[in-house]
Amino acid sequence: RAADFRDKRVLEVGCGEGRLTLGIAPLAASVLAFDPNAEYVATARARCPDELRNSVRFEAASAEEIEVEPHSVDLVFFSWSL
């Protein structure tokens, strides 16, 4: 309800254990979700259903460390990350 994720290339800042990621991923064209907590990212990867694995990528990184190609995302999403 926060945004229209349909067919968008989404960058999720602070994905945690992937709760919101897995809710938006079926709508999005792709999702790059990252969090600085490697344990949370491992949990998110493990929870990701097989049918979403081609369109969702989880990375353990901070906002300063994550590498995102210019113009490679349509929408940046974060919740509870401040």
PDB file of N, CA and C in Angstrom:
ATOM      1  N   ARG A   1       0.807  -1.198   0.000  1.00  0.00           N
ATOM      2  CA  ARG A   1       0.000   0.000   0.000  1.00  0.00           C
ATOM      3  C   ARG A   1       0.849   1.261   0.000  1.00  0.00           C
ATOM      4  N   ALA A   2       2.120   1.139   0.301  1.00  0.00           N
ATOM      5  CA  ALA A   2       2.983   2.310   0.375  1.00  0.00           C
ATOM      6  C   ALA A   2       3.352   2.845  -1.008  1.00  0.00           C
ATOM      7  N   ALA A   3       3.394   1.983  -1.987  1.00  0.00           N
ATOM      8  CA  ALA A   3       3.790   2.381  -3.336  1.00  0.00           C
ATOM      9  C   ALA A   3       3.315   1.328  -4.327  1.00  0.00           C
ATOM     10  N   ASP A   4       3.396   1.669  -5.592  1.00  0.00           N
ATOM     11  CA  ASP A   4       3.050   0.725  -6.649  1.00  0.00           C
ATOM     12  C   ASP A   4       4.329   0.003  -7.070  1.00  0.00           C
ATOM     13  N   PHE A   5       4.456  -1.245  -6.682  1.00  0.00           N
ATOM     14  CA  PHE A   5       5.656  -2.032  -6.963  1.00  0.00           C
ATOM     15  C   PHE A   5       5.559  -2.814  -8.274  1.00  0.00           C
ATOM     16  N   ARG A   6       4.399  -2.800  -8.897  1.00  0.00           N
ATOM     17  CA  ARG A   6       4.184  -3.621 -10.094  1.00  0.00           C
ATOM     18  C   ARG A   6       5.207  -3.322 -11.178  1.00  0.00           C
ATOM     19  N   ASP A   7       5.929  -4.377 -11.549  1.00  0.00           N
ATOM     20  CA  ASP A   7       6.906  -4.323 -12.644  1.00  0.00           C
ATOM     21  C   ASP A   7       8.024  -3.320 -12.429  1.00  0.00           C
ATOM     22  N   LYS A   8       8.285  -2.962 -11.189  1.00  0.00           N
ATOM     23  CA  LYS A   8       9.364  -2.016 -10.870  1.00  0.00           C
ATOM     24  C   LYS A   8      10.622  -2.764 -10.457  1.00  0.00           C
ATOM     25  N   ARG A   9      11.764  -2.160 -10.715  1.00  0.00           N
ATOM     26  CA  ARG A   9      13.041  -2.649 -10.198  1.00  0.00           C
ATOM     27  C   ARG A   9      13.237  -1.923  -8.866  1.00  0.00           C
ATOM     28  N   VAL A  10      13.157  -2.697  -7.780  1.00  0.00           N
ATOM     29  CA  VAL A  10      13.089  -2.123  -6.435  1.00  0.00           C
ATOM     30  C   VAL A  10      14.404  -2.332  -5.692  1.00  0.00           C
ATOM     31  N   LEU A  11      14.829  -1.290  -5.001  1.00  0.00           N
ATOM     32  CA  LEU A  11      15.954  -1.359  -4.070  1.00  0.00           C
ATOM     33  C   LEU A  11      15.361  -1.205  -2.675  1.00  0.00           C
ATOM     34  N   GLU A  12      15.523  -2.222  -1.837  1.00  0.00           N
ATOM     35  CA  GLU A  12      15.011  -2.150  -0.470  1.00  0.00           C
ATOM     36  C   GLU A  12      16.163  -1.939   0.499  1.00  0.00           C
ATOM     37  N   VAL A  13      16.106  -0.847   1.215  1.00  0.00           N
ATOM     38  CA  VAL A  13      17.127  -0.466   2.186  1.00  0.00           C
ATOM     39  C   VAL A  13      16.726  -1.033   3.546  1.00  0.00           C
ATOM     40  N   GLY A  14      17.599  -1.825   4.148  1.00  0.00           N
ATOM     41  CA  GLY A  14      17.319  -2.373   5.475  1.00  0.00           C
ATOM     42  C   GLY A  14      16.247  -3.439   5.452  1.00  0.00           C
ATOM     43  N   CYS A  15      16.485  -4.512   4.723  1.00  0.00           N
ATOM     44  CA  CYS A  15      15.463  -5.549   4.534  1.00  0.00           C
ATOM     45  C   CYS A  15      15.250  -6.440   5.747  1.00  0.00           C
ATOM     46  N   GLY A  16      16.184  -6.424   6.694  1.00  0.00           N
ATOM     47  CA  GLY A  16      16.040  -7.296   7.853  1.00  0.00           C
ATOM     48  C   GLY A  16      15.917  -8.751   7.432  1.00  0.00           C
ATOM     49  N   GLU A  17      14.932  -9.445   7.974  1.00  0.00           N
ATOM     50  CA  GLU A  17      14.737 -10.864   7.665  1.00  0.00           C
ATOM     51  C   GLU A  17      13.843 -11.096   6.450  1.00  0.00           C
ATOM     52  N   GLY A  18      13.548 -10.031   5.705  1.00  0.00           N
ATOM     53  CA  GLY A  18      12.842 -10.166   4.441  1.00  0.00           C
ATOM     54  C   GLY A  18      11.329 -10.156   4.511  1.00  0.00           C
ATOM     55  N   ARG A  19      10.771  -9.790   5.641  1.00  0.00           N
ATOM     56  CA  ARG A  19       9.311  -9.815   5.791  1.00  0.00           C
ATOM     57  C   ARG A  19       8.622  -8.964   4.719  1.00  0.00           C
ATOM     58  N   LEU A  20       9.048  -7.718   4.561  1.00  0.00           N
ATOM     59  CA  LEU A  20       8.436  -6.855   3.549  1.00  0.00           C
ATOM     60  C   LEU A  20       8.904  -7.223   2.143  1.00  0.00           C
ATOM     61  N   THR A  21      10.137  -7.636   2.028  1.00  0.00           N
ATOM     62  CA  THR A  21      10.686  -8.028   0.725  1.00  0.00           C
ATOM     63  C   THR A  21       9.815  -9.086   0.070  1.00  0.00           C
ATOM     64  N   LEU A  22       9.486 -10.100   0.836  1.00  0.00           N
ATOM     65  CA  LEU A  22       8.727 -11.216   0.279  1.00  0.00           C
ATOM     66  C   LEU A  22       7.280 -10.837   0.005  1.00  0.00           C
ATOM     67  N   GLY A  23       6.821  -9.744   0.579  1.00  0.00           N
ATOM     68  CA  GLY A  23       5.496  -9.245   0.267  1.00  0.00           C
ATOM     69  C   GLY A  23       5.439  -8.461  -1.026  1.00  0.00           C
ATOM     70  N   ILE A  24       6.518  -7.735  -1.338  1.00  0.00           N
ATOM     71  CA  ILE A  24       6.521  -6.912  -2.554  1.00  0.00           C
ATOM     72  C   ILE A  24       7.119  -7.645  -3.756  1.00  0.00           C
ATOM     73  N   ALA A  25       7.948  -8.636  -3.523  1.00  0.00           N
ATOM     74  CA  ALA A  25       8.656  -9.323  -4.612  1.00  0.00           C
ATOM     75  C   ALA A  25       7.738  -9.934  -5.677  1.00  0.00           C
ATOM     76  N   PRO A  26       6.593 -10.511  -5.311  1.00  0.00           N
ATOM     77  CA  PRO A  26       5.740 -11.073  -6.366  1.00  0.00           C
ATOM     78  C   PRO A  26       5.206 -10.027  -7.345  1.00  0.00           C
ATOM     79  N   LEU A  27       5.157  -8.778  -6.927  1.00  0.00           N
ATOM     80  CA  LEU A  27       4.669  -7.701  -7.784  1.00  0.00           C
ATOM     81  C   LEU A  27       5.779  -7.075  -8.622  1.00  0.00           C
ATOM     82  N   ALA A  28       6.966  -7.003  -8.061  1.00  0.00           N
ATOM     83  CA  ALA A  28       8.081  -6.278  -8.672  1.00  0.00           C
ATOM     84  C   ALA A  28       8.734  -7.074  -9.800  1.00  0.00           C
ATOM     85  N   ALA A  29       9.381  -6.343 -10.697  1.00  0.00           N
ATOM     86  CA  ALA A  29      10.174  -6.989 -11.738  1.00  0.00           C
ATOM     87  C   ALA A  29      11.414  -7.621 -11.112  1.00  0.00           C
ATOM     88  N   SER A  30      12.008  -6.896 -10.151  1.00  0.00           N
ATOM     89  CA  SER A  30      13.169  -7.400  -9.427  1.00  0.00           C
ATOM     90  C   SER A  30      13.311  -6.629  -8.122  1.00  0.00           C
ATOM     91  N   VAL A  31      13.989  -7.248  -7.169  1.00  0.00           N
ATOM     92  CA  VAL A  31      14.250  -6.597  -5.885  1.00  0.00           C
ATOM     93  C   VAL A  31      15.696  -6.868  -5.488  1.00  0.00           C
ATOM     94  N   LEU A  32      16.412  -5.808  -5.176  1.00  0.00           N
ATOM     95  CA  LEU A  32      17.714  -5.913  -4.525  1.00  0.00           C
ATOM     96  C   LEU A  32      17.480  -5.423  -3.109  1.00  0.00           C
ATOM     97  N   ALA A  33      17.558  -6.336  -2.155  1.00  0.00           N
ATOM     98  CA  ALA A  33      17.282  -6.023  -0.758  1.00  0.00           C
ATOM     99  C   ALA A  33      18.572  -6.197   0.036  1.00  0.00           C
ATOM    100  N   PHE A  34      18.889  -5.193   0.861  1.00  0.00           N
ATOM    101  CA  PHE A  34      20.135  -5.303   1.629  1.00  0.00           C
ATOM    102  C   PHE A  34      19.932  -4.855   3.057  1.00  0.00           C
ATOM    103  N   ASP A  35      20.826  -5.355   3.906  1.00  0.00           N
ATOM    104  CA  ASP A  35      20.814  -5.036   5.332  1.00  0.00           C
ATOM    105  C   ASP A  35      22.235  -5.247   5.845  1.00  0.00           C
ATOM    106  N   PRO A  36      22.683  -4.448   6.802  1.00  0.00           N
ATOM    107  CA  PRO A  36      24.032  -4.652   7.329  1.00  0.00           C
ATOM    108  C   PRO A  36      24.171  -5.882   8.224  1.00  0.00           C
ATOM    109  N   ASN A  37      23.059  -6.437   8.685  1.00  0.00           N
ATOM    110  CA  ASN A  37      23.092  -7.595   9.572  1.00  0.00           C
ATOM    111  C   ASN A  37      23.108  -8.885   8.746  1.00  0.00           C
ATOM    112  N   ALA A  38      24.254  -9.534   8.664  1.00  0.00           N
ATOM    113  CA  ALA A  38      24.423 -10.737   7.837  1.00  0.00           C
ATOM    114  C   ALA A  38      23.521 -11.881   8.285  1.00  0.00           C
ATOM    115  N   GLU A  39      23.252 -11.984   9.574  1.00  0.00           N
ATOM    116  CA  GLU A  39      22.355 -13.054  10.062  1.00  0.00           C
ATOM    117  C   GLU A  39      20.935 -12.831   9.558  1.00  0.00           C
ATOM    118  N   TYR A  40      20.471 -11.602   9.575  1.00  0.00           N
ATOM    119  CA  TYR A  40      19.140 -11.301   9.046  1.00  0.00           C
ATOM    120  C   TYR A  40      19.066 -11.622   7.561  1.00  0.00           C
ATOM    121  N   VAL A  41      20.095 -11.262   6.835  1.00  0.00           N
ATOM    122  CA  VAL A  41      20.121 -11.523   5.389  1.00  0.00           C
ATOM    123  C   VAL A  41      20.107 -13.026   5.120  1.00  0.00           C
ATOM    124  N   ALA A  42      20.831 -13.791   5.898  1.00  0.00           N
ATOM    125  CA  ALA A  42      20.829 -15.250   5.740  1.00  0.00           C
ATOM    126  C   ALA A  42      19.430 -15.810   5.980  1.00  0.00           C
ATOM    127  N   THR A  43      18.747 -15.288   6.972  1.00  0.00           N
ATOM    128  CA  THR A  43      17.375 -15.724   7.245  1.00  0.00           C
ATOM    129  C   THR A  43      16.467 -15.359   6.085  1.00  0.00           C
ATOM    130  N   ALA A  44      16.616 -14.153   5.563  1.00  0.00           N
ATOM    131  CA  ALA A  44      15.796 -13.718   4.427  1.00  0.00           C
ATOM    132  C   ALA A  44      16.020 -14.618   3.217  1.00  0.00           C
ATOM    133  N   ARG A  45      17.257 -14.937   2.930  1.00  0.00           N
ATOM    134  CA  ARG A  45      17.563 -15.835   1.803  1.00  0.00           C
ATOM    135  C   ARG A  45      16.919 -17.192   1.997  1.00  0.00           C
ATOM    136  N   ALA A  46      17.008 -17.712   3.206  1.00  0.00           N
ATOM    137  CA  ALA A  46      16.446 -19.039   3.500  1.00  0.00           C
ATOM    138  C   ALA A  46      14.921 -19.044   3.379  1.00  0.00           C
ATOM    139  N   ARG A  47      14.290 -17.932   3.690  1.00  0.00           N
ATOM    140  CA  ARG A  47      12.830 -17.840   3.643  1.00  0.00           C
ATOM    141  C   ARG A  47      12.290 -17.563   2.244  1.00  0.00           C
ATOM    142  N   CYS A  48      13.151 -17.187   1.336  1.00  0.00           N
ATOM    143  CA  CYS A  48      12.716 -16.813  -0.011  1.00  0.00           C
ATOM    144  C   CYS A  48      12.234 -18.046  -0.788  1.00  0.00           C
ATOM    145  N   PRO A  49      10.988 -18.034  -1.254  1.00  0.00           N
ATOM    146  CA  PRO A  49      10.475 -19.178  -2.016  1.00  0.00           C
ATOM    147  C   PRO A  49      11.225 -19.361  -3.337  1.00  0.00           C
ATOM    148  N   ASP A  50      11.302 -20.581  -3.789  1.00  0.00           N
ATOM    149  CA  ASP A  50      12.011 -20.898  -5.034  1.00  0.00           C
ATOM    150  C   ASP A  50      11.537 -20.052  -6.205  1.00  0.00           C
ATOM    151  N   GLU A  51      10.242 -19.784  -6.288  1.00  0.00           N
ATOM    152  CA  GLU A  51       9.708 -19.059  -7.444  1.00  0.00           C
ATOM    153  C   GLU A  51      10.126 -17.583  -7.473  1.00  0.00           C
ATOM    154  N   LEU A  52      10.681 -17.085  -6.380  1.00  0.00           N
ATOM    155  CA  LEU A  52      11.137 -15.690  -6.346  1.00  0.00           C
ATOM    156  C   LEU A  52      12.656 -15.545  -6.435  1.00  0.00           C
ATOM    157  N   ARG A  53      13.364 -16.638  -6.384  1.00  0.00           N
ATOM    158  CA  ARG A  53      14.831 -16.572  -6.317  1.00  0.00           C
ATOM    159  C   ARG A  53      15.484 -15.940  -7.550  1.00  0.00           C
ATOM    160  N   ASN A  54      14.828 -15.980  -8.685  1.00  0.00           N
ATOM    161  CA  ASN A  54      15.400 -15.363  -9.890  1.00  0.00           C
ATOM    162  C   ASN A  54      15.204 -13.858  -9.923  1.00  0.00           C
ATOM    163  N   SER A  55      14.256 -13.357  -9.129  1.00  0.00           N
ATOM    164  CA  SER A  55      13.969 -11.925  -9.181  1.00  0.00           C
ATOM    165  C   SER A  55      14.348 -11.177  -7.902  1.00  0.00           C
ATOM    166  N   VAL A  56      14.775 -11.900  -6.868  1.00  0.00           N
ATOM    167  CA  VAL A  56      15.141 -11.265  -5.599  1.00  0.00           C
ATOM    168  C   VAL A  56      16.601 -11.562  -5.274  1.00  0.00           C
ATOM    169  N   ARG A  57      17.338 -10.516  -4.923  1.00  0.00           N
ATOM    170  CA  ARG A  57      18.729 -10.684  -4.492  1.00  0.00           C
ATOM    171  C   ARG A  57      18.888 -10.030  -3.130  1.00  0.00           C
ATOM    172  N   PHE A  58      19.436 -10.774  -2.186  1.00  0.00           N
ATOM    173  CA  PHE A  58      19.708 -10.271  -0.849  1.00  0.00           C
ATOM    174  C   PHE A  58      21.206 -10.066  -0.694  1.00  0.00           C
ATOM    175  N   GLU A  59      21.589  -8.937  -0.115  1.00  0.00           N
ATOM    176  CA  GLU A  59      22.998  -8.644   0.123  1.00  0.00           C
ATOM    177  C   GLU A  59      23.192  -8.173   1.557  1.00  0.00           C
ATOM    178  N   ALA A  60      24.278  -8.629   2.175  1.00  0.00           N
ATOM    179  CA  ALA A  60      24.664  -8.134   3.500  1.00  0.00           C
ATOM    180  C   ALA A  60      25.621  -6.969   3.270  1.00  0.00           C
ATOM    181  N   ALA A  61      25.120  -5.758   3.501  1.00  0.00           N
ATOM    182  CA  ALA A  61      25.919  -4.549   3.275  1.00  0.00           C
ATOM    183  C   ALA A  61      25.224  -3.368   3.922  1.00  0.00           C
ATOM    184  N   SER A  62      26.008  -2.353   4.205  1.00  0.00           N
ATOM    185  CA  SER A  62      25.432  -1.091   4.686  1.00  0.00           C
ATOM    186  C   SER A  62      25.099  -0.232   3.473  1.00  0.00           C
ATOM    187  N   ALA A  63      24.419   0.872   3.705  1.00  0.00           N
ATOM    188  CA  ALA A  63      24.089   1.788   2.610  1.00  0.00           C
ATOM    189  C   ALA A  63      25.352   2.372   1.979  1.00  0.00           C
ATOM    190  N   GLU A  64      26.388   2.527   2.778  1.00  0.00           N
ATOM    191  CA  GLU A  64      27.645   3.049   2.245  1.00  0.00           C
ATOM    192  C   GLU A  64      28.380   2.016   1.401  1.00  0.00           C
ATOM    193  N   GLU A  65      28.154   0.746   1.663  1.00  0.00           N
ATOM    194  CA  GLU A  65      28.886  -0.331   0.987  1.00  0.00           C
ATOM    195  C   GLU A  65      28.190  -0.878  -0.250  1.00  0.00           C
ATOM    196  N   ILE A  66      26.876  -0.798  -0.303  1.00  0.00           N
ATOM    197  CA  ILE A  66      26.144  -1.443  -1.393  1.00  0.00           C
ATOM    198  C   ILE A  66      26.473  -0.761  -2.727  1.00  0.00           C
ATOM    199  N   GLU A  67      26.660  -1.561  -3.747  1.00  0.00           N
ATOM    200  CA  GLU A  67      26.956  -1.027  -5.069  1.00  0.00           C
ATOM    201  C   GLU A  67      25.732  -1.203  -5.949  1.00  0.00           C
ATOM    202  N   VAL A  68      25.223  -0.092  -6.438  1.00  0.00           N
ATOM    203  CA  VAL A  68      24.040  -0.096  -7.287  1.00  0.00           C
ATOM    204  C   VAL A  68      24.368   0.681  -8.558  1.00  0.00           C
ATOM    205  N   GLU A  69      24.158   0.046  -9.683  1.00  0.00           N
ATOM    206  CA  GLU A  69      24.424   0.705 -10.962  1.00  0.00           C
ATOM    207  C   GLU A  69      23.483   1.898 -11.133  1.00  0.00           C
ATOM    208  N   PRO A  70      23.988   3.000 -11.642  1.00  0.00           N
ATOM    209  CA  PRO A  70      23.113   4.146 -11.912  1.00  0.00           C
ATOM    210  C   PRO A  70      21.955   3.747 -12.830  1.00  0.00           C
ATOM    211  N   HIS A  71      20.791   4.260 -12.539  1.00  0.00           N
ATOM    212  CA  HIS A  71      19.582   4.028 -13.332  1.00  0.00           C
ATOM    213  C   HIS A  71      19.135   2.569 -13.352  1.00  0.00           C
ATOM    214  N   SER A  72      19.575   1.764 -12.390  1.00  0.00           N
ATOM    215  CA  SER A  72      19.218   0.344 -12.379  1.00  0.00           C
ATOM    216  C   SER A  72      17.998   0.050 -11.509  1.00  0.00           C
ATOM    217  N   VAL A  73      17.467   1.048 -10.833  1.00  0.00           N
ATOM    218  CA  VAL A  73      16.264   0.854 -10.017  1.00  0.00           C
ATOM    219  C   VAL A  73      15.226   1.926 -10.358  1.00  0.00           C
ATOM    220  N   ASP A  74      13.974   1.536 -10.170  1.00  0.00           N
ATOM    221  CA  ASP A  74      12.862   2.457 -10.402  1.00  0.00           C
ATOM    222  C   ASP A  74      12.332   3.039  -9.100  1.00  0.00           C
ATOM    223  N   LEU A  75      12.513   2.302  -8.014  1.00  0.00           N
ATOM    224  CA  LEU A  75      11.905   2.693  -6.749  1.00  0.00           C
ATOM    225  C   LEU A  75      12.801   2.252  -5.596  1.00  0.00           C
ATOM    226  N   VAL A  76      13.041   3.137  -4.661  1.00  0.00           N
ATOM    227  CA  VAL A  76      13.800   2.806  -3.442  1.00  0.00           C
ATOM    228  C   VAL A  76      12.808   2.768  -2.296  1.00  0.00           C
ATOM    229  N   PHE A  77      12.873   1.695  -1.520  1.00  0.00           N
ATOM    230  CA  PHE A  77      11.904   1.461  -0.462  1.00  0.00           C
ATOM    231  C   PHE A  77      12.634   1.175   0.844  1.00  0.00           C
ATOM    232  N   PHE A  78      12.191   1.807   1.928  1.00  0.00           N
ATOM    233  CA  PHE A  78      12.707   1.440   3.233  1.00  0.00           C
ATOM    234  C   PHE A  78      11.622   1.644   4.272  1.00  0.00           C
ATOM    235  N   SER A  79      11.676   0.823   5.291  1.00  0.00           N
ATOM    236  CA  SER A  79      10.715   0.899   6.382  1.00  0.00           C
ATOM    237  C   SER A  79      11.426   0.473   7.653  1.00  0.00           C
ATOM    238  N   TRP A  80      11.292   1.235   8.680  1.00  0.00           N
ATOM    239  CA  TRP A  80      11.897   0.941   9.975  1.00  0.00           C
ATOM    240  C   TRP A  80      13.417   0.900   9.888  1.00  0.00           C
ATOM    241  N   SER A  81      14.018   1.638   8.977  1.00  0.00           N
ATOM    242  CA  SER A  81      15.459   1.580   8.773  1.00  0.00           C
ATOM    243  C   SER A  81      16.211   2.755   9.352  1.00  0.00           C
ATOM    244  N   LEU A  82      15.526   3.695   9.960  1.00  0.00           N
ATOM    245  CA  LEU A  82      16.206   4.869  10.489  1.00  0.00           C
ATOM    246  C   LEU A  82      16.581   4.687  11.940  1.00  0.00           C
TER     247      LEU A  82
END
